[in-house]
């Protein structure tokens, strides 16, 4: 998770305020902390803190950051590596000994962070946090080069894992994405008078908020540099395969975003269509576990010819529970934000659709509420395959012990949840619904345990088969940015 937003503009454009609005659109990607770094062309200032975007920034704070700023980089955080506390909020500052100050914002998770940390400590680096993002910051500080572009290219040649990063220097905004493309990152521009403002964002929905035009995604292994001279890009690392997280299509990204030229709301409705084909059942109505299950529920209802109805009322003031930092907060959030509608469901046979079942506690509690409200039957339909393996690429699921489907049959999961029936969407059904590129272009390790890169638990998980993509295989360079000729 985590959300990254950045903007490069000419003087007179309120880049801090635009970044503030961009972060609002990425709040779903992280709710623990937020921050913005700005540059006036010489110095960099950072404001960050715990809480939602509106809690961290006041109008006065944004106004103070605005005057004279030409660059801004913002972040909303969902913690995986590093605890949930103020010093771990992004963007994280750094200072190169010859090039000066900078700051980095990161979405993803590094696999070789501990090894790099030990090497840097041996070189004299001092760490203030447990963040893998700080490992990248310190690595930048300890990497030689005559330009920021050279330093960052050398830095990230040593990094392994998932990273979609924004980096701000006194005069440049830099976006880069790991060679597998695990996490999303896109480019846009705002057609302002004189010189357009260039924008980077984790999702296209953030571009819409600031009236930016979507150009394209940052390509895997690509570094895009934005400054007063325009935009150019270089390929700093290549891989023979791409492995974008398929869960971005299922849950993480907002349904009004576009990934791989795929409109996510439509894809999620198609997941519902596939579910209806794979697991039909007689029922009176189709209901959703709001909000993330709603598009698939609508798709199921369309394909099955069964009415879609609301069975759960959601409070719009409670945020996403899956990305709360601990299980007790997740459970409390579920009970606060969802309330059953007895008049709608009493005596009815329900098909209850959700996007996924992770730990199972949420689903079980909701099913209990539906039963208490008088539902006659509850048939669970899940628009993704069972999650049986942990994620090491930026999702807070580091152990199979946290996954209800790990080591259990579907029937055992059904019995634990208390549903009358349970069916997960198959992997082929999921890929048909996404309909973009071969299945090998996606990371589906949480479903099948086939990790695109070796993971730290490789020796302990002897049932899994891992493979490392060749580092030397060539892939085509990035396409034109349309805003400037690329320099590769």
Protein backbone atom coordinates (compact mmCIF):
# COMPACT_ATOMS: atom_id res chain seq x y z
CA UNK A 1 0.00 0.00 0.00
CA UNK A 2 1.08 3.63 0.70
CA UNK A 3 0.33 6.53 -1.62
CA UNK A 4 2.88 8.72 -3.43
CA UNK A 5 2.10 12.03 -5.13
CA UNK A 6 4.49 14.62 -6.54
CA UNK A 7 4.43 17.72 -8.72
CA UNK A 8 7.00 19.79 -10.61
CA UNK A 9 5.82 23.23 -11.71
CA UNK A 10 6.94 26.77 -12.42
CA UNK A 11 6.94 29.47 -9.76
CA UNK A 12 3.56 30.87 -8.88
CA UNK A 13 1.86 27.44 -8.83
CA UNK A 14 0.77 26.32 -5.37
CA UNK A 15 2.43 22.89 -5.49
CA UNK A 16 1.90 22.24 -1.77
CA UNK A 17 -1.85 22.73 -2.04
CA UNK A 18 -2.09 20.57 -5.16
CA UNK A 19 -0.15 17.82 -3.40
CA UNK A 20 -2.46 18.12 -0.40
CA UNK A 21 -5.47 17.49 -2.67
CA UNK A 22 -3.64 14.67 -4.45
CA UNK A 23 -3.01 12.93 -1.12
CA UNK A 24 -6.72 13.06 -0.30
CA UNK A 25 -7.31 10.83 -3.33
CA UNK A 26 -4.68 8.39 -2.07
CA UNK A 27 -5.91 8.26 1.52
CA UNK A 28 -7.25 4.74 0.94
CA UNK A 29 -3.67 3.52 0.45
CA UNK A 30 -2.57 4.54 3.93
CA UNK A 31 -4.16 6.11 6.99
CA UNK A 32 -1.44 6.07 9.64
CA UNK A 33 0.62 9.11 8.70
CA UNK A 34 1.06 11.69 5.97
CA UNK A 35 3.72 14.13 4.87
CA UNK A 36 4.73 16.65 2.22
CA UNK A 37 8.20 17.86 1.21
CA UNK A 38 8.63 21.04 -0.85
CA UNK A 39 11.58 22.69 -2.57
CA UNK A 40 12.05 26.32 -3.58
CA UNK A 41 14.96 25.47 -5.85
CA UNK A 42 17.57 25.57 -3.11
CA UNK A 43 16.30 24.18 0.18
CA UNK A 44 13.83 21.43 1.12
CA UNK A 45 11.22 21.66 3.88
CA UNK A 46 9.21 18.73 5.19
CA UNK A 47 6.05 18.57 7.27
CA UNK A 48 4.80 15.16 8.37
CA UNK A 49 2.84 13.64 11.21
CA UNK A 50 0.54 10.89 12.42
CA UNK A 51 -3.05 10.65 11.23
CA UNK A 52 -5.09 11.30 8.13
CA UNK A 53 -4.15 13.97 5.60
CA UNK A 54 -6.69 16.46 7.00
CA UNK A 55 -5.37 15.88 10.53
CA UNK A 56 -1.70 16.35 9.65
CA UNK A 57 -2.13 19.49 7.54
CA UNK A 58 -3.99 22.65 8.45
CA UNK A 59 -4.71 25.44 5.94
CA UNK A 60 -2.02 27.49 7.69
CA UNK A 61 0.55 24.70 7.28
CA UNK A 62 -0.14 24.36 3.58
CA UNK A 63 -0.03 28.13 3.11
CA UNK A 64 3.34 28.35 4.87
CA UNK A 65 4.79 25.66 2.58
CA UNK A 66 3.45 27.19 -0.60
CA UNK A 67 5.30 30.48 -1.28
CA UNK A 68 8.21 30.06 -3.68
CA UNK A 69 7.94 26.27 -3.91
CA UNK A 70 8.39 24.71 -7.35
CA UNK A 71 8.47 21.04 -6.32
CA UNK A 72 6.43 18.98 -3.89
CA UNK A 73 6.34 15.32 -2.87
CA UNK A 74 3.64 13.81 -0.65
CA UNK A 75 2.96 10.46 0.98
CA UNK A 76 0.26 8.59 2.90
CA UNK A 77 1.58 5.66 4.90
CA UNK A 78 0.46 2.12 5.57
CA UNK A 79 3.15 0.42 7.66
CA UNK A 80 4.70 -2.92 6.75
CA UNK A 81 8.38 -2.44 7.60
CA UNK A 82 8.79 -0.09 10.56
CA UNK A 83 6.29 0.58 13.31
CA UNK A 84 3.49 3.12 13.19
CA UNK A 85 5.05 6.24 14.75
CA UNK A 86 5.82 9.81 13.78
CA UNK A 87 9.51 9.40 12.92
CA UNK A 88 8.57 6.74 10.35
CA UNK A 89 6.31 9.09 8.40
CA UNK A 90 7.36 9.92 4.84
CA UNK A 91 8.84 11.71 2.96
CA UNK A 92 12.12 10.80 4.66
CA UNK A 93 14.94 13.38 4.45
CA UNK A 94 18.52 12.65 3.38
CA UNK A 95 21.62 14.72 2.59
CA UNK A 96 24.18 13.73 -0.02
CA UNK A 97 27.72 14.93 0.86
CA UNK A 98 28.29 16.64 -2.51
CA UNK A 99 24.83 17.12 -4.04
CA UNK A 100 22.92 18.38 -1.02
CA UNK A 101 19.48 17.69 0.50
CA UNK A 102 16.65 15.50 -0.67
CA UNK A 103 13.69 13.44 0.48
CA UNK A 104 12.18 10.10 -0.52
CA UNK A 105 8.66 8.63 -0.38
CA UNK A 106 8.24 4.90 -0.92
CA UNK A 107 5.48 2.41 -1.69
CA UNK A 108 6.58 -1.22 -1.40
CA UNK A 109 8.87 -3.44 0.62
CA UNK A 110 12.55 -4.28 0.20
CA UNK A 111 13.79 -7.86 0.49
CA UNK A 112 17.47 -7.11 1.05
CA UNK A 113 17.00 -4.22 3.48
CA UNK A 114 18.73 -5.97 6.39
CA UNK A 115 21.79 -6.89 4.35
CA UNK A 116 22.09 -3.33 3.01
CA UNK A 117 21.62 -1.90 6.52
CA UNK A 118 24.52 -3.98 7.85
CA UNK A 119 26.77 -2.90 4.99
CA UNK A 120 25.89 0.76 5.54
CA UNK A 121 26.44 0.55 9.30
CA UNK A 122 29.90 -0.87 8.60
CA UNK A 123 30.50 2.22 6.44
CA UNK A 124 29.47 4.49 9.32
CA UNK A 125 25.83 5.15 8.54
CA UNK A 126 23.59 5.92 11.52
CA UNK A 127 19.94 4.86 11.41
CA UNK A 128 17.10 6.61 13.24
CA UNK A 129 14.30 4.23 12.25
CA UNK A 130 13.66 0.60 11.32
CA UNK A 131 12.28 1.61 7.91
CA UNK A 132 13.47 0.01 4.71
CA UNK A 133 12.87 3.47 3.23
CA UNK A 134 15.63 4.84 5.45
CA UNK A 135 17.93 2.15 4.07
CA UNK A 136 17.36 3.67 0.61
CA UNK A 137 17.91 7.18 1.99
CA UNK A 138 21.21 6.25 3.65
CA UNK A 139 22.26 4.31 0.58
CA UNK A 140 21.75 7.44 -1.52
CA UNK A 141 23.94 9.36 0.94
CA UNK A 142 26.72 6.75 0.65
CA UNK A 143 26.66 6.43 -3.15
CA UNK A 144 29.13 8.41 -5.25
CA UNK A 145 28.09 10.29 -8.37
CA UNK A 146 28.33 13.65 -10.10
CA UNK A 147 24.58 14.06 -10.61
CA UNK A 148 21.46 13.01 -8.77
CA UNK A 149 20.53 10.85 -11.73
CA UNK A 150 23.83 8.98 -11.54
CA UNK A 151 23.62 8.55 -7.76
CA UNK A 152 20.07 7.24 -7.80
CA UNK A 153 20.73 4.88 -10.69
CA UNK A 154 23.68 3.36 -8.81
CA UNK A 155 21.73 3.26 -5.56
CA UNK A 156 18.79 1.32 -6.88
CA UNK A 157 20.96 -1.11 -8.79
CA UNK A 158 21.68 -2.55 -5.30
CA UNK A 159 18.08 -2.66 -4.10
CA UNK A 160 15.92 -5.80 -4.37
CA UNK A 161 12.18 -5.87 -3.80
CA UNK A 162 9.11 -3.80 -4.47
CA UNK A 163 9.47 -0.04 -4.73
CA UNK A 164 7.58 2.71 -6.45
CA UNK A 165 9.35 5.83 -5.23
CA UNK A 166 9.20 9.57 -5.49
CA UNK A 167 12.39 11.49 -4.77
CA UNK A 168 12.68 15.26 -4.44
CA UNK A 169 15.95 17.19 -4.75
CA UNK A 170 16.34 20.98 -4.71
CA UNK A 171 15.64 21.16 -8.47
CA UNK A 172 14.20 17.80 -9.56
CA UNK A 173 11.28 15.47 -8.95
CA UNK A 174 12.27 11.88 -9.72
CA UNK A 175 9.98 8.86 -10.04
CA UNK A 176 11.22 5.29 -10.26
CA UNK A 177 9.77 1.81 -10.20
CA UNK A 178 11.36 -1.57 -9.52
CA UNK A 179 12.15 -3.76 -12.56
CA UNK A 180 9.23 -6.11 -11.78
CA UNK A 181 6.67 -3.31 -11.45
CA UNK A 182 5.09 -4.68 -8.28
CA UNK A 183 3.43 -1.42 -7.22
CA UNK A 184 1.73 1.18 -9.44
CA UNK A 185 3.06 4.61 -10.35
CA UNK A 186 1.86 6.90 -13.13
CA UNK A 187 2.71 10.17 -14.87
CA UNK A 188 0.44 13.08 -15.72
CA UNK A 189 0.57 16.77 -16.52
CA UNK A 190 -1.55 19.83 -15.81
CA UNK A 191 -1.86 22.06 -18.93
CA UNK A 192 -1.14 25.37 -17.24
CA UNK A 193 -0.41 28.61 -19.12
CA UNK A 194 3.23 28.94 -20.07
CA UNK A 195 4.69 25.67 -18.84
CA UNK A 196 2.71 22.56 -17.86
CA UNK A 197 3.11 21.09 -14.41
CA UNK A 198 4.29 17.48 -14.39
CA UNK A 199 2.75 15.09 -11.88
CA UNK A 200 3.46 11.61 -10.51
CA UNK A 201 0.95 9.56 -8.53
CA UNK A 202 0.39 6.05 -7.26
CA UNK A 203 -3.00 5.96 -9.00
CA UNK A 204 -4.75 7.84 -11.77
CA UNK A 205 -7.59 8.85 -9.43
CA UNK A 206 -5.17 11.33 -7.83
CA UNK A 207 -4.49 12.89 -11.23
CA UNK A 208 -8.22 13.45 -11.70
CA UNK A 209 -8.42 15.34 -8.40
CA UNK A 210 -5.92 18.00 -9.54
CA UNK A 211 -7.26 18.08 -13.14
CA UNK A 212 -4.13 16.44 -14.50
CA UNK A 213 -4.11 14.52 -17.78
CA UNK A 214 -2.94 10.92 -17.54
CA UNK A 215 0.05 10.24 -19.79
CA UNK A 216 1.17 6.72 -18.93
CA UNK A 217 2.54 4.50 -16.19
CA UNK A 218 6.15 4.62 -15.10
CA UNK A 219 7.57 1.49 -16.66
CA UNK A 220 9.20 -1.25 -14.56
CA UNK A 221 12.88 -0.45 -14.13
CA UNK A 222 12.43 3.13 -15.35
CA UNK A 223 13.52 6.39 -13.75
CA UNK A 224 11.65 9.54 -14.82
CA UNK A 225 13.28 12.91 -14.08
CA UNK A 226 11.25 16.15 -14.02
CA UNK A 227 12.75 19.61 -13.72
CA UNK A 228 12.59 23.10 -15.25
CA UNK A 229 13.93 21.73 -18.55
CA UNK A 230 11.08 19.24 -18.96
CA UNK A 231 10.95 15.47 -18.58
CA UNK A 232 13.28 12.67 -19.56
CA UNK A 233 13.70 9.04 -18.57
CA UNK A 234 16.27 6.27 -18.38
CA UNK A 235 16.02 2.54 -17.86
CA UNK A 236 18.19 1.83 -14.80
CA UNK A 237 17.44 -1.88 -14.39
CA UNK A 238 15.85 -4.63 -16.49
CA UNK A 239 14.08 -7.91 -15.86
CA UNK A 240 12.88 -10.72 -18.10
CA UNK A 241 9.49 -10.66 -16.37
CA UNK A 242 7.03 -8.21 -14.88
CA UNK A 243 5.04 -8.98 -11.76
CA UNK A 244 2.50 -6.31 -10.90
CA UNK A 245 0.56 -7.15 -7.74
CA UNK A 246 -2.75 -8.65 -8.84
CA UNK A 247 -4.31 -7.57 -5.53
CA UNK A 248 -4.12 -3.97 -6.78
CA UNK A 249 -6.83 -4.98 -9.25
CA UNK A 250 -8.89 -6.81 -6.61
CA UNK A 251 -8.79 -4.45 -3.63
CA UNK A 252 -5.97 -1.97 -3.09
CA UNK A 253 -6.49 0.58 -5.86
CA UNK A 254 -9.61 2.70 -6.06
CA UNK A 255 -12.24 1.46 -8.55
CA UNK A 256 -12.06 4.76 -10.46
CA UNK A 257 -8.35 4.24 -11.18
CA UNK A 258 -6.81 2.73 -14.31
CA UNK A 259 -4.00 0.15 -14.20
CA UNK A 260 -2.44 -1.38 -17.28
CA UNK A 261 -5.13 0.38 -19.35
CA UNK A 262 -7.72 -1.52 -17.32
CA UNK A 263 -10.63 0.36 -15.71
CA UNK A 264 -10.80 -1.24 -12.30
CA UNK A 265 -14.51 -0.88 -11.66
CA UNK A 266 -15.25 -2.72 -14.90
CA UNK A 267 -12.68 -5.40 -14.08
CA UNK A 268 -14.22 -5.95 -10.64
CA UNK A 269 -17.69 -6.24 -12.14
CA UNK A 270 -16.31 -8.85 -14.54
CA UNK A 271 -14.96 -10.73 -11.52
CA UNK A 272 -18.55 -10.89 -10.32
CA UNK A 273 -19.65 -12.18 -13.72
CA UNK A 274 -17.06 -14.94 -13.54
CA UNK A 275 -18.13 -15.83 -9.99
CA UNK A 276 -21.74 -16.18 -11.08
CA UNK A 277 -20.67 -18.59 -13.83
CA UNK A 278 -18.43 -20.63 -11.53
CA UNK A 279 -20.68 -20.77 -8.45
CA UNK A 280 -24.38 -20.25 -9.14
CA UNK A 281 -26.80 -20.71 -6.23
CA UNK A 282 -30.51 -20.09 -5.71
CA UNK A 283 -31.09 -16.97 -3.63
CA UNK A 284 -33.39 -14.00 -3.17
CA UNK A 285 -30.82 -11.22 -3.42
CA UNK A 286 -27.15 -10.40 -3.92
CA UNK A 287 -25.55 -8.20 -1.28
CA UNK A 288 -22.08 -6.71 -0.94
CA UNK A 289 -19.61 -6.33 1.87
CA UNK A 290 -19.17 -2.57 1.26
CA UNK A 291 -17.41 -0.85 -0.25
CA UNK A 292 -14.71 -3.01 -1.81
CA UNK A 293 -17.09 -5.90 -2.56
CA UNK A 294 -19.72 -3.77 -4.28
CA UNK A 295 -18.56 -3.83 -7.94
CA UNK A 296 -18.18 -7.63 -7.91
CA UNK A 297 -21.58 -7.99 -6.20
CA UNK A 298 -23.22 -5.87 -8.91
CA UNK A 299 -21.50 -7.99 -11.55
CA UNK A 300 -22.68 -11.21 -9.91
CA UNK A 301 -26.25 -9.91 -9.73
CA UNK A 302 -26.17 -8.90 -13.43
CA UNK A 303 -24.87 -12.28 -14.56
CA UNK A 304 -27.16 -14.31 -12.28
CA UNK A 305 -30.31 -12.28 -12.84
CA UNK A 306 -30.81 -11.88 -9.09
CA UNK A 307 -31.64 -8.47 -7.56
CA UNK A 308 -28.83 -6.52 -5.93
CA UNK A 309 -29.81 -5.00 -2.59
CA UNK A 310 -28.11 -3.27 0.31
CA UNK A 311 -27.94 -5.40 3.43
CA UNK A 312 -25.28 -3.50 5.33
CA UNK A 313 -25.24 0.21 6.09
CA UNK A 314 -21.75 1.66 6.17
CA UNK A 315 -20.63 4.70 8.10
CA UNK A 316 -18.66 6.92 5.71
CA UNK A 317 -16.62 8.27 8.61
CA UNK A 318 -14.82 4.99 9.34
CA UNK A 319 -11.84 4.21 7.14
CA UNK A 320 -10.50 0.98 5.69
CA UNK A 321 -10.17 -1.68 8.37
CA UNK A 322 -7.82 -4.08 6.56
CA UNK A 323 -5.01 -1.52 6.64
CA UNK A 324 -5.29 -0.67 10.33
CA UNK A 325 -1.98 -1.47 12.07
CA UNK A 326 -3.27 -4.25 14.37
CA UNK A 327 -6.06 -6.80 14.49
CA UNK A 328 -7.93 -5.30 17.45
CA UNK A 329 -8.30 -1.99 15.60
CA UNK A 330 -9.51 -3.83 12.49
CA UNK A 331 -12.20 -5.65 14.43
CA UNK A 332 -13.32 -2.51 16.24
CA UNK A 333 -13.52 -0.67 12.93
CA UNK A 334 -15.70 -3.36 11.39
CA UNK A 335 -18.20 -3.23 14.24
CA UNK A 336 -18.35 0.55 14.09
CA UNK A 337 -18.71 1.00 10.36
CA UNK A 338 -21.19 -1.75 9.36
CA UNK A 339 -24.75 -2.25 10.54
CA UNK A 340 -27.24 -4.77 9.11
CA UNK A 341 -30.64 -3.76 7.65
CA UNK A 342 -33.15 -6.28 9.12
CA UNK A 343 -36.12 -5.18 6.99
CA UNK A 344 -34.20 -5.93 3.82
CA UNK A 345 -32.80 -9.33 4.76
CA UNK A 346 -35.14 -10.96 7.28
CA UNK A 347 -36.12 -14.40 6.01
CA UNK A 348 -34.11 -13.96 2.80
CA UNK A 349 -31.48 -16.16 1.14
CA UNK A 350 -28.41 -13.98 0.56
CA UNK A 351 -25.46 -14.22 -1.78
CA UNK A 352 -22.89 -12.13 0.06
CA UNK A 353 -20.02 -10.97 -2.16
CA UNK A 354 -16.67 -9.67 -0.96
CA UNK A 355 -13.37 -9.05 -2.73
CA UNK A 356 -11.27 -11.27 -0.45
CA UNK A 357 -10.97 -13.06 2.86
CA UNK A 358 -7.66 -12.41 4.58
CA UNK A 359 -7.73 -13.22 8.27
CA UNK A 360 -11.39 -14.17 8.34
CA UNK A 361 -12.34 -12.29 11.51
CA UNK A 362 -14.12 -9.52 9.63
CA UNK A 363 -16.14 -11.92 7.47
CA UNK A 364 -17.16 -14.02 10.45
CA UNK A 365 -18.36 -10.99 12.43
CA UNK A 366 -20.38 -9.68 9.48
CA UNK A 367 -21.99 -13.06 8.88
CA UNK A 368 -22.95 -13.16 12.57
CA UNK A 369 -24.60 -9.76 12.16
CA UNK A 370 -26.50 -10.86 9.09
CA UNK A 371 -27.73 -13.97 10.93
CA UNK A 372 -28.81 -11.87 13.91
CA UNK A 373 -30.75 -9.61 11.52
CA UNK A 374 -32.75 -12.59 10.27
CA UNK A 375 -30.99 -13.82 7.11
CA UNK A 376 -32.24 -17.32 6.26
CA UNK A 377 -29.18 -18.41 4.25
CA UNK A 378 -25.81 -16.78 3.58
CA UNK A 379 -23.79 -17.94 0.58
CA UNK A 380 -20.36 -16.31 0.51
CA UNK A 381 -18.83 -15.56 -2.89
CA UNK A 382 -15.30 -14.14 -3.02
CA UNK A 383 -14.02 -12.37 -6.14
CA UNK A 384 -10.43 -13.59 -5.67
CA UNK A 385 -8.76 -16.95 -5.07
CA UNK A 386 -7.93 -18.08 -1.50
CA UNK A 387 -4.98 -16.20 0.04
CA UNK A 388 -2.73 -19.01 1.30
CA UNK A 389 0.73 -17.46 1.24
CA UNK A 390 2.24 -14.34 2.88
CA UNK A 391 3.21 -11.23 0.97
CA UNK A 392 6.70 -9.72 1.18
CA UNK A 393 6.17 -6.96 -1.38
CA UNK A 394 4.38 -4.32 0.66
CA UNK A 395 1.31 -5.89 2.29
CA UNK A 396 1.09 -6.45 6.04
CA UNK A 397 0.74 -10.23 5.82
CA UNK A 398 4.11 -11.66 6.80
CA UNK A 399 3.04 -15.13 7.97
CA UNK A 400 0.71 -17.92 6.90
CA UNK A 401 -0.59 -17.91 10.49
CA UNK A 402 -2.47 -14.71 9.66
CA UNK A 403 -4.29 -16.26 6.68
CA UNK A 404 -7.44 -18.24 7.30
CA UNK A 405 -7.15 -20.15 4.00
CA UNK A 406 -3.58 -21.30 4.68
CA UNK A 407 -3.61 -25.01 5.51
CA UNK A 408 -7.43 -25.21 5.41
CA UNK A 409 -9.83 -26.51 2.81
CA UNK A 410 -12.58 -24.26 1.48
CA UNK A 411 -15.07 -26.32 3.48
CA UNK A 412 -13.08 -25.75 6.68
CA UNK A 413 -13.01 -22.00 6.01
CA UNK A 414 -16.76 -22.04 5.35
CA UNK A 415 -17.43 -23.80 8.66
CA UNK A 416 -15.23 -21.33 10.52
CA UNK A 417 -17.05 -18.35 9.01
CA UNK A 418 -20.49 -19.81 9.58
CA UNK A 419 -21.68 -19.43 5.97
CA UNK A 420 -24.05 -21.87 4.25
CA UNK A 421 -21.71 -22.12 1.28
CA UNK A 422 -18.43 -20.57 0.17
CA UNK A 423 -16.81 -20.23 -3.23
CA UNK A 424 -13.67 -18.36 -4.27
CA UNK A 425 -13.07 -17.11 -7.79
CA UNK A 426 -10.56 -19.32 -9.62
CA UNK A 427 -7.24 -17.97 -10.86
CA UNK A 428 -8.26 -18.44 -14.51
CA UNK A 429 -11.54 -16.63 -13.80
CA UNK A 430 -9.66 -13.77 -12.16
CA UNK A 431 -7.27 -13.42 -15.08
CA UNK A 432 -10.14 -13.46 -17.58
CA UNK A 433 -11.80 -10.66 -15.63
CA UNK A 434 -8.64 -8.54 -15.59
CA UNK A 435 -8.06 -9.29 -19.27
CA UNK A 436 -4.75 -7.45 -19.51
CA UNK A 437 -1.61 -9.30 -20.55
CA UNK A 438 -0.60 -12.90 -19.81
CA UNK A 439 -0.92 -14.25 -16.28
CA UNK A 440 2.87 -14.31 -16.02
CA UNK A 441 2.90 -10.49 -15.96
CA UNK A 442 1.29 -10.45 -12.49
CA UNK A 443 2.46 -11.42 -9.04
CA UNK A 444 -0.03 -13.97 -7.67
CA UNK A 445 2.21 -15.34 -4.94
CA UNK A 446 -0.40 -14.80 -2.21
CA UNK A 447 -2.57 -17.32 -4.08
CA UNK A 448 -0.09 -19.88 -5.42
CA UNK A 449 3.17 -19.31 -3.50
CA UNK A 450 5.15 -18.71 -6.69
CA UNK A 451 7.24 -15.65 -5.77
CA UNK A 452 8.87 -13.70 -8.62
CA UNK A 453 12.00 -13.16 -6.48
CA UNK A 454 13.52 -15.16 -3.61
CA UNK A 455 12.07 -14.17 -0.24
CA UNK A 456 13.66 -14.23 3.24
CA UNK A 457 11.58 -17.22 4.37
CA UNK A 458 12.71 -19.36 1.46
CA UNK A 459 14.54 -21.91 3.61
CA UNK A 460 11.64 -22.26 6.03
CA UNK A 461 8.97 -22.70 3.36
CA UNK A 462 10.29 -25.75 1.58
CA UNK A 463 6.96 -26.49 -0.10
CA UNK A 464 7.18 -23.35 -2.18
CA UNK A 465 9.08 -23.08 -5.43
CA UNK A 466 10.86 -19.82 -6.03
CA UNK A 467 12.61 -18.50 -9.08
CA UNK A 468 14.82 -15.51 -9.66
CA UNK A 469 14.38 -13.58 -12.86
CA UNK A 470 17.64 -13.12 -14.83
CA UNK A 471 19.11 -9.70 -14.20
CA UNK A 472 20.77 -9.35 -17.57
CA UNK A 473 17.85 -10.01 -19.91
CA UNK A 474 16.97 -6.98 -21.95
CA UNK A 475 13.50 -5.45 -22.18
CA UNK A 476 12.51 -2.59 -24.47
CA UNK A 477 13.16 0.90 -23.18
CA UNK A 478 10.30 3.09 -21.95
CA UNK A 479 7.98 4.68 -24.49
CA UNK A 480 7.94 8.40 -25.14
CA UNK A 481 6.62 10.60 -22.35
CA UNK A 482 4.86 12.75 -24.96
CA UNK A 483 6.05 15.74 -22.94
CA UNK A 484 9.69 15.59 -23.91
CA UNK A 485 11.98 13.38 -25.91
CA UNK A 486 13.34 10.62 -23.65
CA UNK A 487 17.09 10.46 -23.12
CA UNK A 488 17.96 6.79 -22.72
